[in-house]
Amino acid sequence: MRDSYYIIRKPIVTEKGSTQTDHSNQFLFEVAPDANKIEIRKAVETLFDVEVVGVNTILRKGKTRGLGWRTWQRPDQKRALVKLKAGQSIDFI
């Protein structure tokens, strides 16, 4: 099994994510592109000592950006929306 710190890259804190946290006890993380839902579940349970109810994953393609004649592409990103058991929480701060 791979290291939990390799699988969970960082939490994503946005306005929409904060609303989901308040209303449905879901947290958003950036994860390794090759991680699956089972590995993500085990990593979150290990790192934050919580019980995970469900995991949804999202693949975001990197945007193509440009300035004048030069273009480049931002890297692709995989996100995980993790739902915790009622009454449990993760404190990022």
N, C-alpha and C. Protein backbone atom coordinates (compact mmCIF):
# COMPACT_ATOMS: atom_id res chain seq x y z
N MET A 1 0.84 -1.19 0.00
CA MET A 1 0.00 0.00 0.00
C MET A 1 0.89 1.25 0.00
N ARG A 2 0.44 2.24 -0.73
CA ARG A 2 1.20 3.49 -0.82
C ARG A 2 0.96 4.36 0.41
N ASP A 3 1.84 5.33 0.58
CA ASP A 3 1.78 6.25 1.70
C ASP A 3 0.54 7.14 1.61
N SER A 4 -0.12 7.38 2.73
CA SER A 4 -1.32 8.21 2.76
C SER A 4 -1.04 9.65 2.33
N TYR A 5 0.16 10.13 2.61
CA TYR A 5 0.52 11.49 2.23
C TYR A 5 0.74 11.61 0.72
N TYR A 6 1.05 10.50 0.06
CA TYR A 6 1.15 10.52 -1.40
C TYR A 6 -0.24 10.57 -2.04
N ILE A 7 -1.18 9.86 -1.45
CA ILE A 7 -2.54 9.78 -2.01
C ILE A 7 -3.29 11.09 -1.80
N ILE A 8 -3.30 11.62 -0.58
CA ILE A 8 -3.99 12.87 -0.28
C ILE A 8 -2.98 14.00 -0.42
N ARG A 9 -3.11 14.80 -1.49
CA ARG A 9 -2.14 15.87 -1.74
C ARG A 9 -2.41 17.08 -0.85
N LYS A 10 -3.66 17.61 -0.91
CA LYS A 10 -3.99 18.78 -0.10
C LYS A 10 -5.51 18.95 -0.07
N PRO A 11 -6.02 19.60 0.96
CA PRO A 11 -7.45 19.92 0.98
C PRO A 11 -7.73 21.11 0.05
N ILE A 12 -8.90 21.13 -0.53
CA ILE A 12 -9.30 22.24 -1.38
C ILE A 12 -10.37 23.01 -0.62
N VAL A 13 -10.05 24.25 -0.28
CA VAL A 13 -10.96 25.08 0.50
C VAL A 13 -11.51 26.17 -0.43
N THR A 14 -12.79 26.04 -0.79
CA THR A 14 -13.46 27.01 -1.63
C THR A 14 -14.78 27.39 -0.98
N GLU A 15 -15.44 28.39 -1.54
CA GLU A 15 -16.73 28.80 -0.99
C GLU A 15 -17.77 27.69 -1.15
N LYS A 16 -17.80 27.06 -2.32
CA LYS A 16 -18.75 25.97 -2.55
C LYS A 16 -18.43 24.77 -1.66
N GLY A 17 -17.14 24.48 -1.48
CA GLY A 17 -16.75 23.39 -0.61
C GLY A 17 -17.11 23.64 0.84
N SER A 18 -17.02 24.89 1.28
CA SER A 18 -17.41 25.22 2.65
C SER A 18 -18.91 25.02 2.86
N THR A 19 -19.70 25.33 1.85
CA THR A 19 -21.14 25.11 1.93
C THR A 19 -21.46 23.63 2.04
N GLN A 20 -20.76 22.80 1.26
CA GLN A 20 -20.97 21.35 1.33
C GLN A 20 -20.55 20.80 2.68
N THR A 21 -19.50 21.35 3.24
CA THR A 21 -19.04 20.91 4.54
C THR A 21 -20.09 21.21 5.61
N ASP A 22 -20.69 22.39 5.55
CA ASP A 22 -21.68 22.79 6.55
C ASP A 22 -22.98 21.99 6.43
N HIS A 23 -23.44 21.77 5.20
CA HIS A 23 -24.76 21.17 5.01
C HIS A 23 -24.75 19.64 4.93
N SER A 24 -23.76 19.04 4.28
CA SER A 24 -23.82 17.59 4.07
C SER A 24 -22.58 16.84 4.56
N ASN A 25 -21.72 17.49 5.34
CA ASN A 25 -20.56 16.86 5.96
C ASN A 25 -19.64 16.21 4.92
N GLN A 26 -19.36 16.94 3.82
CA GLN A 26 -18.48 16.46 2.77
C GLN A 26 -17.26 17.37 2.68
N PHE A 27 -16.11 16.76 2.39
CA PHE A 27 -14.85 17.50 2.29
C PHE A 27 -14.21 17.20 0.95
N LEU A 28 -13.50 18.20 0.39
CA LEU A 28 -12.91 18.09 -0.93
C LEU A 28 -11.38 18.06 -0.81
N PHE A 29 -10.75 17.08 -1.48
CA PHE A 29 -9.30 16.93 -1.45
C PHE A 29 -8.76 16.80 -2.86
N GLU A 30 -7.53 17.30 -3.07
CA GLU A 30 -6.80 16.97 -4.29
C GLU A 30 -6.05 15.68 -4.00
N VAL A 31 -6.18 14.70 -4.90
CA VAL A 31 -5.58 13.39 -4.67
C VAL A 31 -4.66 13.01 -5.82
N ALA A 32 -3.89 11.96 -5.63
CA ALA A 32 -2.99 11.46 -6.67
C ALA A 32 -3.82 10.98 -7.87
N PRO A 33 -3.36 11.24 -9.09
CA PRO A 33 -4.13 10.87 -10.27
C PRO A 33 -4.39 9.38 -10.42
N ASP A 34 -3.52 8.54 -9.85
CA ASP A 34 -3.70 7.10 -10.00
C ASP A 34 -4.32 6.44 -8.77
N ALA A 35 -4.81 7.23 -7.82
CA ALA A 35 -5.44 6.68 -6.61
C ALA A 35 -6.88 6.28 -6.91
N ASN A 36 -7.31 5.16 -6.31
CA ASN A 36 -8.70 4.75 -6.47
C ASN A 36 -9.49 5.06 -5.20
N LYS A 37 -10.80 4.81 -5.24
CA LYS A 37 -11.67 5.20 -4.13
C LYS A 37 -11.33 4.47 -2.83
N ILE A 38 -10.95 3.22 -2.92
CA ILE A 38 -10.62 2.45 -1.72
C ILE A 38 -9.37 3.01 -1.05
N GLU A 39 -8.35 3.34 -1.85
CA GLU A 39 -7.13 3.93 -1.29
C GLU A 39 -7.41 5.30 -0.68
N ILE A 40 -8.25 6.09 -1.33
CA ILE A 40 -8.59 7.42 -0.80
C ILE A 40 -9.32 7.28 0.53
N ARG A 41 -10.26 6.35 0.62
CA ARG A 41 -11.00 6.11 1.87
C ARG A 41 -10.05 5.74 3.00
N LYS A 42 -9.16 4.80 2.76
CA LYS A 42 -8.22 4.36 3.80
C LYS A 42 -7.26 5.48 4.21
N ALA A 43 -6.82 6.28 3.23
CA ALA A 43 -5.89 7.37 3.53
C ALA A 43 -6.55 8.43 4.41
N VAL A 44 -7.79 8.82 4.10
CA VAL A 44 -8.50 9.82 4.91
C VAL A 44 -8.76 9.29 6.31
N GLU A 45 -9.17 8.04 6.41
CA GLU A 45 -9.43 7.45 7.73
C GLU A 45 -8.14 7.38 8.56
N THR A 46 -7.02 7.10 7.92
CA THR A 46 -5.74 7.01 8.64
C THR A 46 -5.24 8.39 9.06
N LEU A 47 -5.27 9.36 8.14
CA LEU A 47 -4.70 10.67 8.43
C LEU A 47 -5.52 11.48 9.43
N PHE A 48 -6.84 11.43 9.32
CA PHE A 48 -7.69 12.31 10.12
C PHE A 48 -8.47 11.59 11.21
N ASP A 49 -8.33 10.27 11.32
CA ASP A 49 -8.98 9.46 12.35
C ASP A 49 -10.50 9.69 12.37
N VAL A 50 -11.12 9.52 11.20
CA VAL A 50 -12.56 9.66 11.03
C VAL A 50 -13.08 8.43 10.28
N GLU A 51 -14.40 8.29 10.23
CA GLU A 51 -15.03 7.18 9.51
C GLU A 51 -15.67 7.73 8.24
N VAL A 52 -15.27 7.20 7.09
CA VAL A 52 -15.75 7.67 5.79
C VAL A 52 -16.95 6.84 5.36
N VAL A 53 -18.01 7.54 4.92
CA VAL A 53 -19.23 6.88 4.44
C VAL A 53 -19.15 6.65 2.94
N GLY A 54 -18.65 7.63 2.18
CA GLY A 54 -18.59 7.50 0.73
C GLY A 54 -17.53 8.39 0.12
N VAL A 55 -17.07 8.00 -1.09
CA VAL A 55 -16.06 8.76 -1.82
C VAL A 55 -16.51 8.90 -3.26
N ASN A 56 -16.52 10.12 -3.77
CA ASN A 56 -16.76 10.40 -5.19
C ASN A 56 -15.51 11.06 -5.74
N THR A 57 -15.12 10.69 -6.96
CA THR A 57 -13.93 11.28 -7.58
C THR A 57 -14.32 12.10 -8.79
N ILE A 58 -13.52 13.13 -9.05
CA ILE A 58 -13.75 14.06 -10.15
C ILE A 58 -12.42 14.23 -10.89
N LEU A 59 -12.43 14.07 -12.21
CA LEU A 59 -11.25 14.33 -13.03
C LEU A 59 -11.42 15.67 -13.72
N ARG A 60 -10.50 16.59 -13.50
CA ARG A 60 -10.54 17.91 -14.14
C ARG A 60 -9.41 18.00 -15.15
N LYS A 61 -9.76 18.27 -16.38
CA LYS A 61 -8.75 18.47 -17.40
C LYS A 61 -8.12 19.85 -17.23
N GLY A 62 -6.82 19.96 -17.47
CA GLY A 62 -6.13 21.23 -17.36
C GLY A 62 -6.52 22.18 -18.48
N LYS A 63 -6.69 23.43 -18.15
CA LYS A 63 -7.07 24.43 -19.15
C LYS A 63 -5.87 24.78 -20.02
N THR A 64 -6.14 25.08 -21.27
CA THR A 64 -5.12 25.60 -22.16
C THR A 64 -5.08 27.12 -21.98
N ARG A 65 -3.92 27.62 -21.68
CA ARG A 65 -3.74 29.05 -21.43
C ARG A 65 -2.83 29.61 -22.51
N GLY A 66 -2.90 30.92 -22.71
CA GLY A 66 -2.05 31.51 -23.72
C GLY A 66 -1.76 32.97 -23.47
N LEU A 67 -0.65 33.41 -24.02
CA LEU A 67 -0.26 34.80 -23.95
C LEU A 67 0.44 35.12 -25.26
N GLY A 68 -0.25 35.86 -26.11
CA GLY A 68 0.30 36.13 -27.44
C GLY A 68 0.31 34.87 -28.28
N TRP A 69 1.43 34.54 -28.86
CA TRP A 69 1.53 33.35 -29.70
C TRP A 69 1.88 32.11 -28.92
N ARG A 70 2.23 32.26 -27.64
CA ARG A 70 2.67 31.14 -26.83
C ARG A 70 1.49 30.54 -26.05
N THR A 71 1.34 29.22 -26.06
CA THR A 71 0.29 28.55 -25.29
C THR A 71 0.91 27.44 -24.45
N TRP A 72 0.24 27.10 -23.38
CA TRP A 72 0.65 26.00 -22.52
C TRP A 72 -0.60 25.44 -21.87
N GLN A 73 -0.47 24.28 -21.26
CA GLN A 73 -1.61 23.63 -20.63
C GLN A 73 -1.32 23.39 -19.16
N ARG A 74 -2.29 23.75 -18.34
CA ARG A 74 -2.17 23.47 -16.91
C ARG A 74 -2.31 21.97 -16.70
N PRO A 75 -1.75 21.42 -15.62
CA PRO A 75 -1.83 19.98 -15.41
C PRO A 75 -3.26 19.53 -15.07
N ASP A 76 -3.55 18.28 -15.43
CA ASP A 76 -4.83 17.68 -15.06
C ASP A 76 -4.85 17.48 -13.55
N GLN A 77 -6.06 17.40 -12.99
CA GLN A 77 -6.20 17.31 -11.54
C GLN A 77 -7.29 16.31 -11.19
N LYS A 78 -7.05 15.51 -10.17
CA LYS A 78 -8.07 14.58 -9.68
C LYS A 78 -8.47 15.03 -8.28
N ARG A 79 -9.77 15.14 -8.07
CA ARG A 79 -10.30 15.56 -6.78
C ARG A 79 -11.17 14.46 -6.20
N ALA A 80 -11.27 14.44 -4.89
CA ALA A 80 -12.12 13.47 -4.20
C ALA A 80 -13.05 14.20 -3.26
N LEU A 81 -14.33 13.90 -3.36
CA LEU A 81 -15.34 14.43 -2.46
C LEU A 81 -15.65 13.33 -1.45
N VAL A 82 -15.27 13.56 -0.20
CA VAL A 82 -15.35 12.54 0.84
C VAL A 82 -16.46 12.88 1.82
N LYS A 83 -17.40 11.95 2.00
CA LYS A 83 -18.50 12.15 2.95
C LYS A 83 -18.19 11.39 4.23
N LEU A 84 -18.29 12.11 5.35
CA LEU A 84 -17.99 11.52 6.66
C LEU A 84 -19.26 11.08 7.38
N LYS A 85 -19.08 10.22 8.36
CA LYS A 85 -20.18 9.77 9.20
C LYS A 85 -20.73 10.95 9.99
N ALA A 86 -22.02 10.96 10.24
CA ALA A 86 -22.66 12.06 10.97
C ALA A 86 -22.00 12.27 12.33
N GLY A 87 -21.75 13.53 12.64
CA GLY A 87 -21.14 13.88 13.92
C GLY A 87 -19.62 13.99 13.89
N GLN A 88 -19.00 13.57 12.79
CA GLN A 88 -17.54 13.66 12.69
C GLN A 88 -17.16 14.82 11.78
N SER A 89 -15.96 15.34 11.98
CA SER A 89 -15.52 16.51 11.23
C SER A 89 -13.99 16.48 11.10
N ILE A 90 -13.50 17.26 10.13
CA ILE A 90 -12.06 17.45 9.94
C ILE A 90 -11.78 18.93 10.08
N ASP A 91 -10.78 19.27 10.91
CA ASP A 91 -10.41 20.67 11.11
C ASP A 91 -9.10 20.93 10.38
N PHE A 92 -9.13 21.77 9.34
CA PHE A 92 -7.95 22.05 8.54
C PHE A 92 -7.07 23.13 9.14
N ILE A 93 -7.61 23.98 9.97
CA ILE A 93 -6.86 25.13 10.48
C ILE A 93 -6.23 24.81 11.81
